[in-house]
Amino acid sequence: MIIVYVEHADGRADRVSLEALALAGSLGGPVHAALIGPGVTQAAASLGGRGVETVHAIDHDSLSAYAPRAYGAAVAELIATHQPAIVIGPGTERGNEVMAYVGAITGKPMVANVLSVEPVSSPFPVRLTRQRWAGSLVEEATLRASPAILTVAPHAIEAPEAASGAAPPIISMTPTLSAADLASRVTGRIDPEGDGVSLTDAKVVVGGGRGMGSTEGFAILEELADLLGGAVGGSRVVTSNGWRPHADQIGQTGLRIAPDIYIACGISGAIQHIVGCAASKNILAINKDPDAPIMSRAHYAVIGDLHAIVPAISAEIRRVRGT
């Protein structure tokens, strides 16, 4: 058996969790999903056609909000009951945190940012590849632990469209939690302003770097993103300067994106930023420096002043659309 910890919101599993399910499905054997918190029934329905045999709905009065150690303890209890060979989580900030707690509670190693897994024998060891050093190094290793506990590097595995199929059956579980498990928990949430497309879900992302010059400089990127139905992000220097909120940061210490096209404007392309946008299907770089590091990563490049080029692109889109 393989258990996959699935993050969910608004009645559906998140993208990286679907990628974790895709990896689990490629390994053979029954795949079970562990979902925690409110909205499990609706989220479980969204897993129909994704190879999930059973959903374990983990519910507790104290789990209505995120509590990392309690989440880890709940998954660890599920492991003790079902004795899976492999346990997989999404390589998101929350997924890595929960699975680290799972490893600590069970006394097993947890391997993060896995790209592929090849079972060597049943139930262990497993051979795997994973990202190290912000994605600049790929390591091949053998994990000799049962269960094998790991997280999947975001956007490293394609999650196919769901096949037709009914929602998997749900088994409810109420974990035994201690006061220590609930010592750290979310007590409130402030949603970002606006109701546009999120960076992690956007098919088009327009990013700005130091070359934007100021908060006001992002107006031309907002215009282009709006025309393309996309979202706007920025590099670390942008958020450090206060030009954009941290929630808009793309990179190693920000968000990892995987749009169909990423338009990088005035971004030099330090490795920390490349980690965040490497999964983009296409990268268009707009920069006046032809030797900027991002040029070696870009599929397409325009050399010139972005403050003239970006408005020209927007104007051409409007002309073609007749608007």
C-alpha atoms as a PDB file:
ATOM      1  CA  MET A   1       0.000   0.000   0.000  1.00  0.00           C
ATOM      2  CA  ILE A   2       1.045   3.590  -0.707  1.00  0.00           C
ATOM      3  CA  ILE A   3      -0.427   6.430   1.347  1.00  0.00           C
ATOM      4  CA  VAL A   4      -0.422   9.942  -0.109  1.00  0.00           C
ATOM      5  CA  TYR A   5      -1.031  12.940   2.130  1.00  0.00           C
ATOM      6  CA  VAL A   6      -3.225  15.254   0.028  1.00  0.00           C
ATOM      7  CA  GLU A   7      -3.561  18.964   0.675  1.00  0.00           C
ATOM      8  CA  HIS A   8      -6.895  20.445  -0.320  1.00  0.00           C
ATOM      9  CA  ALA A   9      -8.786  23.730  -0.358  1.00  0.00           C
ATOM     10  CA  ASP A  10     -12.147  24.873  -1.685  1.00  0.00           C
ATOM     11  CA  GLY A  11     -13.236  21.287  -2.264  1.00  0.00           C
ATOM     12  CA  ARG A  12     -10.351  20.133  -4.421  1.00  0.00           C
ATOM     13  CA  ALA A  13      -6.870  18.704  -4.078  1.00  0.00           C
ATOM     14  CA  ASP A  14      -4.024  21.085  -4.780  1.00  0.00           C
ATOM     15  CA  ARG A  15      -1.861  20.722  -7.863  1.00  0.00           C
ATOM     16  CA  VAL A  16       1.272  19.364  -6.186  1.00  0.00           C
ATOM     17  CA  SER A  17      -0.789  16.758  -4.316  1.00  0.00           C
ATOM     18  CA  LEU A  18      -2.141  15.550  -7.662  1.00  0.00           C
ATOM     19  CA  GLU A  19       1.473  15.230  -8.816  1.00  0.00           C
ATOM     20  CA  ALA A  20       2.203  13.153  -5.698  1.00  0.00           C
ATOM     21  CA  LEU A  21      -0.752  10.907  -6.566  1.00  0.00           C
ATOM     22  CA  ALA A  22       0.595  10.535 -10.115  1.00  0.00           C
ATOM     23  CA  LEU A  23       3.941   9.352  -8.736  1.00  0.00           C
ATOM     24  CA  ALA A  24       2.220   6.932  -6.376  1.00  0.00           C
ATOM     25  CA  GLY A  25       0.140   5.529  -9.213  1.00  0.00           C
ATOM     26  CA  SER A  26       3.253   4.823 -11.253  1.00  0.00           C
ATOM     27  CA  LEU A  27       4.708   2.585  -8.551  1.00  0.00           C
ATOM     28  CA  GLY A  28       2.053  -0.138  -8.564  1.00  0.00           C
ATOM     29  CA  GLY A  29       0.011  -1.359  -5.658  1.00  0.00           C
ATOM     30  CA  PRO A  30      -3.065   0.215  -4.057  1.00  0.00           C
ATOM     31  CA  VAL A  31      -2.973   3.968  -3.476  1.00  0.00           C
ATOM     32  CA  HIS A  32      -4.754   5.451  -0.458  1.00  0.00           C
ATOM     33  CA  ALA A  33      -5.169   9.178   0.140  1.00  0.00           C
ATOM     34  CA  ALA A  34      -5.081  10.870   3.550  1.00  0.00           C
ATOM     35  CA  LEU A  35      -7.064  14.113   3.781  1.00  0.00           C
ATOM     36  CA  ILE A  36      -7.263  16.249   6.911  1.00  0.00           C
ATOM     37  CA  GLY A  37      -9.630  18.999   7.992  1.00  0.00           C
ATOM     38  CA  PRO A  38     -12.952  20.446   6.814  1.00  0.00           C
ATOM     39  CA  GLY A  39     -14.219  19.835   3.296  1.00  0.00           C
ATOM     40  CA  VAL A  40     -12.866  16.294   3.023  1.00  0.00           C
ATOM     41  CA  THR A  41     -15.992  14.830   1.415  1.00  0.00           C
ATOM     42  CA  GLN A  42     -16.000  17.344  -1.431  1.00  0.00           C
ATOM     43  CA  ALA A  43     -12.235  17.105  -1.900  1.00  0.00           C
ATOM     44  CA  ALA A  44     -12.458  13.294  -1.969  1.00  0.00           C
ATOM     45  CA  ALA A  45     -14.977  13.531  -4.801  1.00  0.00           C
ATOM     46  CA  SER A  46     -12.401  15.492  -6.826  1.00  0.00           C
ATOM     47  CA  LEU A  47     -10.065  12.469  -6.651  1.00  0.00           C
ATOM     48  CA  GLY A  48     -12.342  10.295  -8.773  1.00  0.00           C
ATOM     49  CA  GLY A  49     -10.454   8.875 -11.754  1.00  0.00           C
ATOM     50  CA  ARG A  50      -7.024   9.452 -10.179  1.00  0.00           C
ATOM     51  CA  GLY A  51      -6.296   5.900  -9.107  1.00  0.00           C
ATOM     52  CA  VAL A  52      -7.160   6.376  -5.443  1.00  0.00           C
ATOM     53  CA  GLU A  53      -8.590   3.204  -3.937  1.00  0.00           C
ATOM     54  CA  THR A  54      -9.640   4.669  -0.584  1.00  0.00           C
ATOM     55  CA  VAL A  55      -9.702   8.081   1.075  1.00  0.00           C
ATOM     56  CA  HIS A  56      -8.935   8.274   4.778  1.00  0.00           C
ATOM     57  CA  ALA A  57     -10.776  11.292   6.151  1.00  0.00           C
ATOM     58  CA  ILE A  58      -8.900  12.385   9.266  1.00  0.00           C
ATOM     59  CA  ASP A  59     -11.163  14.499  11.424  1.00  0.00           C
ATOM     60  CA  HIS A  60     -10.836  15.976  14.908  1.00  0.00           C
ATOM     61  CA  ASP A  61     -12.373  18.964  16.658  1.00  0.00           C
ATOM     62  CA  SER A  62      -8.895  20.524  16.887  1.00  0.00           C
ATOM     63  CA  LEU A  63      -8.016  20.043  13.206  1.00  0.00           C
ATOM     64  CA  SER A  64     -10.306  22.657  11.709  1.00  0.00           C
ATOM     65  CA  ALA A  65      -7.192  24.836  11.307  1.00  0.00           C
ATOM     66  CA  TYR A  66      -3.670  23.845  10.335  1.00  0.00           C
ATOM     67  CA  ALA A  67      -1.527  22.460  13.167  1.00  0.00           C
ATOM     68  CA  PRO A  68       1.685  20.926  11.737  1.00  0.00           C
ATOM     69  CA  ARG A  69       2.617  18.546  14.529  1.00  0.00           C
ATOM     70  CA  ALA A  70      -0.997  17.404  14.928  1.00  0.00           C
ATOM     71  CA  TYR A  71      -1.257  16.768  11.182  1.00  0.00           C
ATOM     72  CA  GLY A  72       1.968  14.767  11.343  1.00  0.00           C
ATOM     73  CA  ALA A  73       0.744  12.808  14.360  1.00  0.00           C
ATOM     74  CA  ALA A  74      -2.504  11.969  12.562  1.00  0.00           C
ATOM     75  CA  VAL A  75      -0.672  10.658   9.491  1.00  0.00           C
ATOM     76  CA  ALA A  76       1.734   8.716  11.717  1.00  0.00           C
ATOM     77  CA  GLU A  77      -1.235   7.051  13.431  1.00  0.00           C
ATOM     78  CA  LEU A  78      -2.630   6.106  10.020  1.00  0.00           C
ATOM     79  CA  ILE A  79       0.758   4.586   9.138  1.00  0.00           C
ATOM     80  CA  ALA A  80       0.803   2.542  12.344  1.00  0.00           C
ATOM     81  CA  THR A  81      -2.630   1.132  11.517  1.00  0.00           C
ATOM     82  CA  HIS A  82      -2.116   0.300   7.842  1.00  0.00           C
ATOM     83  CA  GLN A  83       1.655  -0.322   7.564  1.00  0.00           C
ATOM     84  CA  PRO A  84       2.179   1.169   4.071  1.00  0.00           C
ATOM     85  CA  ALA A  85       5.379   0.553   2.121  1.00  0.00           C
ATOM     86  CA  ILE A  86       5.663   4.175   0.972  1.00  0.00           C
ATOM     87  CA  VAL A  87       4.212   7.447   2.255  1.00  0.00           C
ATOM     88  CA  ILE A  88       4.264  10.431  -0.099  1.00  0.00           C
ATOM     89  CA  GLY A  89       3.442  14.085   0.471  1.00  0.00           C
ATOM     90  CA  PRO A  90       3.441  17.178  -1.738  1.00  0.00           C
ATOM     91  CA  GLY A  91       6.687  19.143  -1.683  1.00  0.00           C
ATOM     92  CA  THR A  92       4.963  22.371  -0.672  1.00  0.00           C
ATOM     93  CA  GLU A  93       5.904  24.354   2.428  1.00  0.00           C
ATOM     94  CA  ARG A  94       3.088  22.710   4.361  1.00  0.00           C
ATOM     95  CA  GLY A  95       3.612  19.272   2.840  1.00  0.00           C
ATOM     96  CA  ASN A  96       7.308  19.250   3.713  1.00  0.00           C
ATOM     97  CA  GLU A  97       6.539  20.415   7.245  1.00  0.00           C
ATOM     98  CA  VAL A  98       3.881  17.756   7.853  1.00  0.00           C
ATOM     99  CA  MET A  99       6.005  14.962   6.425  1.00  0.00           C
ATOM    100  CA  ALA A 100       9.006  16.073   8.488  1.00  0.00           C
ATOM    101  CA  TYR A 101       6.855  15.652  11.580  1.00  0.00           C
ATOM    102  CA  VAL A 102       5.748  12.235  10.294  1.00  0.00           C
ATOM    103  CA  GLY A 103       9.390  11.209  10.017  1.00  0.00           C
ATOM    104  CA  ALA A 104      10.241  12.531  13.477  1.00  0.00           C
ATOM    105  CA  ILE A 105       7.264  10.817  15.128  1.00  0.00           C
ATOM    106  CA  THR A 106       7.843   7.466  13.408  1.00  0.00           C
ATOM    107  CA  GLY A 107      11.618   7.631  13.762  1.00  0.00           C
ATOM    108  CA  LYS A 108      12.122   7.201  10.011  1.00  0.00           C
ATOM    109  CA  PRO A 109      14.094   9.379   7.573  1.00  0.00           C
ATOM    110  CA  MET A 110      12.130  11.781   5.378  1.00  0.00           C
ATOM    111  CA  VAL A 111      13.447  12.546   1.887  1.00  0.00           C
ATOM    112  CA  ALA A 112      12.342  15.854   0.342  1.00  0.00           C
ATOM    113  CA  ASN A 113      12.087  17.092  -3.251  1.00  0.00           C
ATOM    114  CA  VAL A 114      11.995  13.680  -4.924  1.00  0.00           C
ATOM    115  CA  LEU A 115      11.884  13.563  -8.728  1.00  0.00           C
ATOM    116  CA  SER A 116      11.415   9.824  -9.286  1.00  0.00           C
ATOM    117  CA  VAL A 117      11.147   6.585  -7.339  1.00  0.00           C
ATOM    118  CA  GLU A 118      12.045   3.071  -8.393  1.00  0.00           C
ATOM    119  CA  PRO A 119      11.160   0.287  -5.945  1.00  0.00           C
ATOM    120  CA  VAL A 120      14.073  -2.133  -5.603  1.00  0.00           C
ATOM    121  CA  SER A 121      12.335  -4.824  -3.579  1.00  0.00           C
ATOM    122  CA  SER A 122       9.252  -5.110  -1.434  1.00  0.00           C
ATOM    123  CA  PRO A 123       8.770  -3.346   0.888  1.00  0.00           C
ATOM    124  CA  PHE A 124      12.190  -1.674   0.794  1.00  0.00           C
ATOM    125  CA  PRO A 125      14.685  -0.326  -0.123  1.00  0.00           C
ATOM    126  CA  VAL A 126      13.680   2.160  -2.802  1.00  0.00           C
ATOM    127  CA  ARG A 127      15.946   3.906  -5.256  1.00  0.00           C
ATOM    128  CA  LEU A 128      15.185   7.547  -5.899  1.00  0.00           C
ATOM    129  CA  THR A 129      16.409  10.773  -7.404  1.00  0.00           C
ATOM    130  CA  ARG A 130      15.890  14.099  -5.709  1.00  0.00           C
ATOM    131  CA  GLN A 131      16.808  17.747  -6.023  1.00  0.00           C
ATOM    132  CA  ARG A 132      19.511  19.217  -3.808  1.00  0.00           C
ATOM    133  CA  TRP A 133      20.969  22.684  -3.422  1.00  0.00           C
ATOM    134  CA  ALA A 134      17.973  24.579  -4.762  1.00  0.00           C
ATOM    135  CA  GLY A 135      17.675  22.293  -7.753  1.00  0.00           C
ATOM    136  CA  SER A 136      21.239  22.804  -8.973  1.00  0.00           C
ATOM    137  CA  LEU A 137      22.158  19.211  -8.089  1.00  0.00           C
ATOM    138  CA  VAL A 138      20.290  15.948  -8.700  1.00  0.00           C
ATOM    139  CA  GLU A 139      21.146  13.149  -6.291  1.00  0.00           C
ATOM    140  CA  GLU A 140      20.621   9.428  -6.811  1.00  0.00           C
ATOM    141  CA  ALA A 141      20.158   7.550  -3.546  1.00  0.00           C
ATOM    142  CA  THR A 142      18.802   4.377  -2.001  1.00  0.00           C
ATOM    143  CA  LEU A 143      16.437   4.752   0.934  1.00  0.00           C
ATOM    144  CA  ARG A 144      16.577   1.824   3.334  1.00  0.00           C
ATOM    145  CA  ALA A 145      13.589   2.439   5.579  1.00  0.00           C
ATOM    146  CA  SER A 146      10.085   1.091   5.871  1.00  0.00           C
ATOM    147  CA  PRO A 147       7.944   2.910   5.254  1.00  0.00           C
ATOM    148  CA  ALA A 148       9.787   5.140   2.810  1.00  0.00           C
ATOM    149  CA  ILE A 149       8.668   8.690   3.638  1.00  0.00           C
ATOM    150  CA  LEU A 150       9.160  11.350   0.980  1.00  0.00           C
ATOM    151  CA  THR A 151       7.830  14.477  -0.666  1.00  0.00           C
ATOM    152  CA  VAL A 152       7.624  15.178  -4.395  1.00  0.00           C
ATOM    153  CA  ALA A 153       9.389  18.213  -5.850  1.00  0.00           C
ATOM    154  CA  PRO A 154       6.734  20.651  -7.078  1.00  0.00           C
ATOM    155  CA  HIS A 155       5.956  20.430 -10.796  1.00  0.00           C
ATOM    156  CA  ALA A 156       8.595  17.753 -11.414  1.00  0.00           C
ATOM    157  CA  ILE A 157       5.944  15.152 -12.303  1.00  0.00           C
ATOM    158  CA  GLU A 158       3.082  15.667 -14.708  1.00  0.00           C
ATOM    159  CA  ALA A 159      -0.344  15.125 -13.188  1.00  0.00           C
ATOM    160  CA  PRO A 160      -2.554  13.862 -16.035  1.00  0.00           C
ATOM    161  CA  GLU A 161      -6.183  14.794 -16.412  1.00  0.00           C
ATOM    162  CA  ALA A 162      -8.478  12.625 -14.318  1.00  0.00           C
ATOM    163  CA  ALA A 163     -10.002   9.620 -16.056  1.00  0.00           C
ATOM    164  CA  SER A 164     -13.702   8.976 -15.739  1.00  0.00           C
ATOM    165  CA  GLY A 165     -14.534   7.295 -12.484  1.00  0.00           C
ATOM    166  CA  ALA A 166     -16.564   7.510  -9.328  1.00  0.00           C
ATOM    167  CA  ALA A 167     -15.319   9.169  -6.166  1.00  0.00           C
ATOM    168  CA  PRO A 168     -13.335   6.751  -3.997  1.00  0.00           C
ATOM    169  CA  PRO A 169     -14.921   5.422  -0.790  1.00  0.00           C
ATOM    170  CA  ILE A 170     -14.188   7.305   2.416  1.00  0.00           C
ATOM    171  CA  ILE A 171     -13.091   5.826   5.740  1.00  0.00           C
ATOM    172  CA  SER A 172     -13.309   8.212   8.683  1.00  0.00           C
ATOM    173  CA  MET A 173     -10.611   8.335  11.336  1.00  0.00           C
ATOM    174  CA  THR A 174     -10.348  10.363  14.549  1.00  0.00           C
ATOM    175  CA  PRO A 175      -6.710  10.557  15.677  1.00  0.00           C
ATOM    176  CA  THR A 176      -5.526  10.646  19.272  1.00  0.00           C
ATOM    177  CA  LEU A 177      -3.875  14.014  19.839  1.00  0.00           C
ATOM    178  CA  SER A 178      -2.087  15.503  22.836  1.00  0.00           C
ATOM    179  CA  ALA A 179      -1.850  19.094  24.000  1.00  0.00           C
ATOM    180  CA  ALA A 180       1.745  19.144  22.727  1.00  0.00           C
ATOM    181  CA  ASP A 181       0.521  18.211  19.239  1.00  0.00           C
ATOM    182  CA  LEU A 182      -1.586  21.377  19.220  1.00  0.00           C
ATOM    183  CA  ALA A 183       0.986  23.759  20.693  1.00  0.00           C
ATOM    184  CA  SER A 184       1.606  25.279  17.244  1.00  0.00           C
ATOM    185  CA  ARG A 185      -1.434  25.997  15.104  1.00  0.00           C
ATOM    186  CA  VAL A 186      -2.978  28.584  12.818  1.00  0.00           C
ATOM    187  CA  THR A 187      -5.274  30.910  14.769  1.00  0.00           C
ATOM    188  CA  GLY A 188      -6.250  33.279  11.983  1.00  0.00           C
ATOM    189  CA  ARG A 189      -5.891  33.926   8.300  1.00  0.00           C
ATOM    190  CA  ILE A 190      -5.711  37.080   6.202  1.00  0.00           C
ATOM    191  CA  ASP A 191      -6.388  36.463   2.535  1.00  0.00           C
ATOM    192  CA  PRO A 192      -4.494  38.571  -0.008  1.00  0.00           C
ATOM    193  CA  GLU A 193      -6.364  41.390  -1.660  1.00  0.00           C
ATOM    194  CA  GLY A 194      -7.922  40.873  -5.054  1.00  0.00           C
ATOM    195  CA  ASP A 195      -9.669  37.942  -6.650  1.00  0.00           C
ATOM    196  CA  GLY A 196      -7.493  37.389  -9.697  1.00  0.00           C
ATOM    197  CA  VAL A 197      -5.657  34.280 -10.872  1.00  0.00           C
ATOM    198  CA  SER A 198      -3.177  32.904  -8.337  1.00  0.00           C
ATOM    199  CA  LEU A 199       0.471  32.573  -9.300  1.00  0.00           C
ATOM    200  CA  THR A 200       0.544  28.840  -8.643  1.00  0.00           C
ATOM    201  CA  ASP A 201      -2.465  28.177 -10.900  1.00  0.00           C
ATOM    202  CA  ALA A 202      -1.897  30.753 -13.643  1.00  0.00           C
ATOM    203  CA  LYS A 203      -1.233  29.591 -17.191  1.00  0.00           C
ATOM    204  CA  VAL A 204       0.536  32.895 -17.871  1.00  0.00           C
ATOM    205  CA  VAL A 205       2.805  34.627 -15.356  1.00  0.00           C
ATOM    206  CA  VAL A 206       4.438  38.013 -15.901  1.00  0.00           C
ATOM    207  CA  GLY A 207       7.353  38.573 -13.536  1.00  0.00           C
ATOM    208  CA  GLY A 208       9.303  41.699 -12.749  1.00  0.00           C
ATOM    209  CA  GLY A 209      12.742  42.232 -11.265  1.00  0.00           C
ATOM    210  CA  ARG A 210      15.075  45.035 -10.338  1.00  0.00           C
ATOM    211  CA  GLY A 211      14.623  46.502 -13.818  1.00  0.00           C
ATOM    212  CA  MET A 212      11.057  47.564 -12.969  1.00  0.00           C
ATOM    213  CA  GLY A 213      12.542  50.342 -10.845  1.00  0.00           C
ATOM    214  CA  SER A 214       9.626  50.917  -8.469  1.00  0.00           C
ATOM    215  CA  THR A 215       6.171  49.860  -7.354  1.00  0.00           C
ATOM    216  CA  GLU A 216       4.688  52.068 -10.048  1.00  0.00           C
ATOM    217  CA  GLY A 217       6.791  50.328 -12.676  1.00  0.00           C
ATOM    218  CA  PHE A 218       4.670  47.198 -12.266  1.00  0.00           C
ATOM    219  CA  ALA A 219       1.642  48.914 -13.796  1.00  0.00           C
ATOM    220  CA  ILE A 220       2.729  47.861 -17.289  1.00  0.00           C
ATOM    221  CA  LEU A 221       3.086  44.245 -16.118  1.00  0.00           C
ATOM    222  CA  GLU A 222      -0.363  44.336 -14.536  1.00  0.00           C
ATOM    223  CA  GLU A 223      -1.752  45.581 -17.848  1.00  0.00           C
ATOM    224  CA  LEU A 224      -0.083  42.788 -19.838  1.00  0.00           C
ATOM    225  CA  ALA A 225      -1.110  40.100 -17.354  1.00  0.00           C
ATOM    226  CA  ASP A 226      -4.698  41.334 -17.441  1.00  0.00           C
ATOM    227  CA  LEU A 227      -4.761  41.109 -21.249  1.00  0.00           C
ATOM    228  CA  LEU A 228      -3.398  37.542 -21.108  1.00  0.00           C
ATOM    229  CA  GLY A 229      -5.530  36.368 -18.204  1.00  0.00           C
ATOM    230  CA  GLY A 230      -2.422  35.844 -16.119  1.00  0.00           C
ATOM    231  CA  ALA A 231      -0.858  36.818 -12.806  1.00  0.00           C
ATOM    232  CA  VAL A 232       2.020  39.087 -11.799  1.00  0.00           C
ATOM    233  CA  GLY A 233       4.977  38.025  -9.668  1.00  0.00           C
ATOM    234  CA  GLY A 234       8.400  39.297  -8.797  1.00  0.00           C
ATOM    235  CA  SER A 235      11.921  38.384  -7.809  1.00  0.00           C
ATOM    236  CA  ARG A 236      13.318  38.511  -4.286  1.00  0.00           C
ATOM    237  CA  VAL A 237      14.835  41.958  -4.738  1.00  0.00           C
ATOM    238  CA  VAL A 238      11.378  43.252  -5.661  1.00  0.00           C
ATOM    239  CA  THR A 239       9.778  42.013  -2.450  1.00  0.00           C
ATOM    240  CA  SER A 240      12.809  43.050  -0.379  1.00  0.00           C
ATOM    241  CA  ASN A 241      12.424  46.588  -1.730  1.00  0.00           C
ATOM    242  CA  GLY A 242       8.730  46.569  -0.871  1.00  0.00           C
ATOM    243  CA  TRP A 243       7.592  46.944  -4.468  1.00  0.00           C
ATOM    244  CA  ARG A 244       5.436  43.799  -4.227  1.00  0.00           C
ATOM    245  CA  PRO A 245       4.226  41.716  -1.267  1.00  0.00           C
ATOM    246  CA  HIS A 246       6.144  38.571  -0.317  1.00  0.00           C
ATOM    247  CA  ALA A 247       3.157  36.510  -1.505  1.00  0.00           C
ATOM    248  CA  ASP A 248       4.133  37.512  -5.056  1.00  0.00           C
ATOM    249  CA  GLN A 249       7.733  36.301  -4.788  1.00  0.00           C
ATOM    250  CA  ILE A 250       8.851  33.615  -7.248  1.00  0.00           C
ATOM    251  CA  GLY A 251      11.912  31.636  -6.221  1.00  0.00           C
ATOM    252  CA  GLN A 252      13.533  29.333  -3.727  1.00  0.00           C
ATOM    253  CA  THR A 253      12.142  31.246  -0.749  1.00  0.00           C
ATOM    254  CA  GLY A 254       8.922  32.129  -2.533  1.00  0.00           C
ATOM    255  CA  LEU A 255       6.543  30.336  -4.874  1.00  0.00           C
ATOM    256  CA  ARG A 256       7.337  27.718  -7.485  1.00  0.00           C
ATOM    257  CA  ILE A 257       5.308  28.216 -10.624  1.00  0.00           C
ATOM    258  CA  ALA A 258       4.598  26.093 -13.686  1.00  0.00           C
ATOM    259  CA  PRO A 259       2.743  28.233 -16.235  1.00  0.00           C
ATOM    260  CA  ASP A 260       2.513  27.613 -19.947  1.00  0.00           C
ATOM    261  CA  ILE A 261       4.555  30.785 -20.393  1.00  0.00           C
ATOM    262  CA  TYR A 262       6.558  32.892 -17.978  1.00  0.00           C
ATOM    263  CA  ILE A 263       7.432  36.404 -19.158  1.00  0.00           C
ATOM    264  CA  ALA A 264      10.419  37.553 -17.099  1.00  0.00           C
ATOM    265  CA  CYS A 265      10.939  41.313 -17.302  1.00  0.00           C
ATOM    266  CA  GLY A 266      14.078  42.951 -15.968  1.00  0.00           C
ATOM    267  CA  ILE A 267      15.063  39.837 -14.032  1.00  0.00           C
ATOM    268  CA  SER A 268      18.723  38.824 -14.052  1.00  0.00           C
ATOM    269  CA  GLY A 269      18.017  35.170 -13.240  1.00  0.00           C
ATOM    270  CA  ALA A 270      19.879  34.218 -10.078  1.00  0.00           C
ATOM    271  CA  ILE A 271      19.696  30.504  -9.266  1.00  0.00           C
ATOM    272  CA  GLN A 272      17.251  31.181  -6.417  1.00  0.00           C
ATOM    273  CA  HIS A 273      14.789  32.677  -8.904  1.00  0.00           C
ATOM    274  CA  ILE A 274      15.366  29.961 -11.499  1.00  0.00           C
ATOM    275  CA  VAL A 275      14.348  27.363  -8.911  1.00  0.00           C
ATOM    276  CA  GLY A 276      10.955  29.041  -8.749  1.00  0.00           C
ATOM    277  CA  CYS A 277      10.293  29.250 -12.483  1.00  0.00           C
ATOM    278  CA  ALA A 278      12.184  26.221 -13.849  1.00  0.00           C
ATOM    279  CA  ALA A 279       8.975  24.230 -14.351  1.00  0.00           C
ATOM    280  CA  SER A 280       7.592  26.825 -16.783  1.00  0.00           C
ATOM    281  CA  LYS A 281       6.850  25.270 -20.174  1.00  0.00           C
ATOM    282  CA  ASN A 282       8.182  28.372 -21.932  1.00  0.00           C
ATOM    283  CA  ILE A 283      10.204  31.331 -20.663  1.00  0.00           C
ATOM    284  CA  LEU A 284      10.309  34.657 -22.493  1.00  0.00           C
ATOM    285  CA  ALA A 285      12.994  36.986 -21.102  1.00  0.00           C
ATOM    286  CA  ILE A 286      12.859  40.724 -21.704  1.00  0.00           C
ATOM    287  CA  ASN A 287      16.101  42.348 -20.622  1.00  0.00           C
ATOM    288  CA  LYS A 288      18.523  44.954 -21.901  1.00  0.00           C
ATOM    289  CA  ASP A 289      21.466  42.800 -20.797  1.00  0.00           C
ATOM    290  CA  PRO A 290      22.083  40.016 -23.347  1.00  0.00           C
ATOM    291  CA  ASP A 291      24.447  38.296 -20.880  1.00  0.00           C
ATOM    292  CA  ALA A 292      21.978  38.098 -17.996  1.00  0.00           C
ATOM    293  CA  PRO A 293      21.940  34.541 -16.577  1.00  0.00           C
ATOM    294  CA  ILE A 294      18.251  34.134 -17.347  1.00  0.00           C
ATOM    295  CA  MET A 295      19.040  34.272 -21.054  1.00  0.00           C
ATOM    296  CA  SER A 296      20.606  30.811 -20.865  1.00  0.00           C
ATOM    297  CA  ARG A 297      17.350  29.479 -19.400  1.00  0.00           C
ATOM    298  CA  ALA A 298      14.935  31.327 -21.673  1.00  0.00           C
ATOM    299  CA  HIS A 299      13.266  29.742 -24.690  1.00  0.00           C
ATOM    300  CA  TYR A 300      12.774  33.185 -26.214  1.00  0.00           C
ATOM    301  CA  ALA A 301      14.396  36.544 -25.502  1.00  0.00           C
ATOM    302  CA  VAL A 302      13.879  40.177 -26.409  1.00  0.00           C
ATOM    303  CA  ILE A 303      16.900  42.416 -25.856  1.00  0.00           C
ATOM    304  CA  GLY A 304      15.924  45.972 -25.068  1.00  0.00           C
ATOM    305  CA  ASP A 305      14.207  48.384 -22.703  1.00  0.00           C
ATOM    306  CA  LEU A 306      11.303  46.572 -21.058  1.00  0.00           C
ATOM    307  CA  HIS A 307       9.571  49.897 -20.362  1.00  0.00           C
ATOM    308  CA  ALA A 308       9.162  50.303 -24.115  1.00  0.00           C
ATOM    309  CA  ILE A 309       8.792  46.642 -25.089  1.00  0.00           C
ATOM    310  CA  VAL A 310       6.082  45.577 -22.622  1.00  0.00           C
ATOM    311  CA  PRO A 311       3.665  48.422 -23.505  1.00  0.00           C
ATOM    312  CA  ALA A 312       4.304  47.670 -27.188  1.00  0.00           C
ATOM    313  CA  ILE A 313       3.305  44.027 -26.631  1.00  0.00           C
ATOM    314  CA  SER A 314       0.114  45.128 -24.871  1.00  0.00           C
ATOM    315  CA  ALA A 315      -0.679  47.564 -27.663  1.00  0.00           C
ATOM    316  CA  GLU A 316      -0.197  44.854 -30.298  1.00  0.00           C
ATOM    317  CA  ILE A 317      -2.492  42.467 -28.397  1.00  0.00           C
ATOM    318  CA  ARG A 318      -5.172  45.147 -28.329  1.00  0.00           C
ATOM    319  CA  ARG A 319      -4.675  45.874 -32.026  1.00  0.00           C
ATOM    320  CA  VAL A 320      -5.035  42.208 -33.001  1.00  0.00           C
ATOM    321  CA  ARG A 321      -8.122  41.845 -30.816  1.00  0.00           C
ATOM    322  CA  GLY A 322      -9.592  45.090 -32.087  1.00  0.00           C
ATOM    323  CA  THR A 323     -10.010  46.498 -28.598  1.00  0.00           C
END
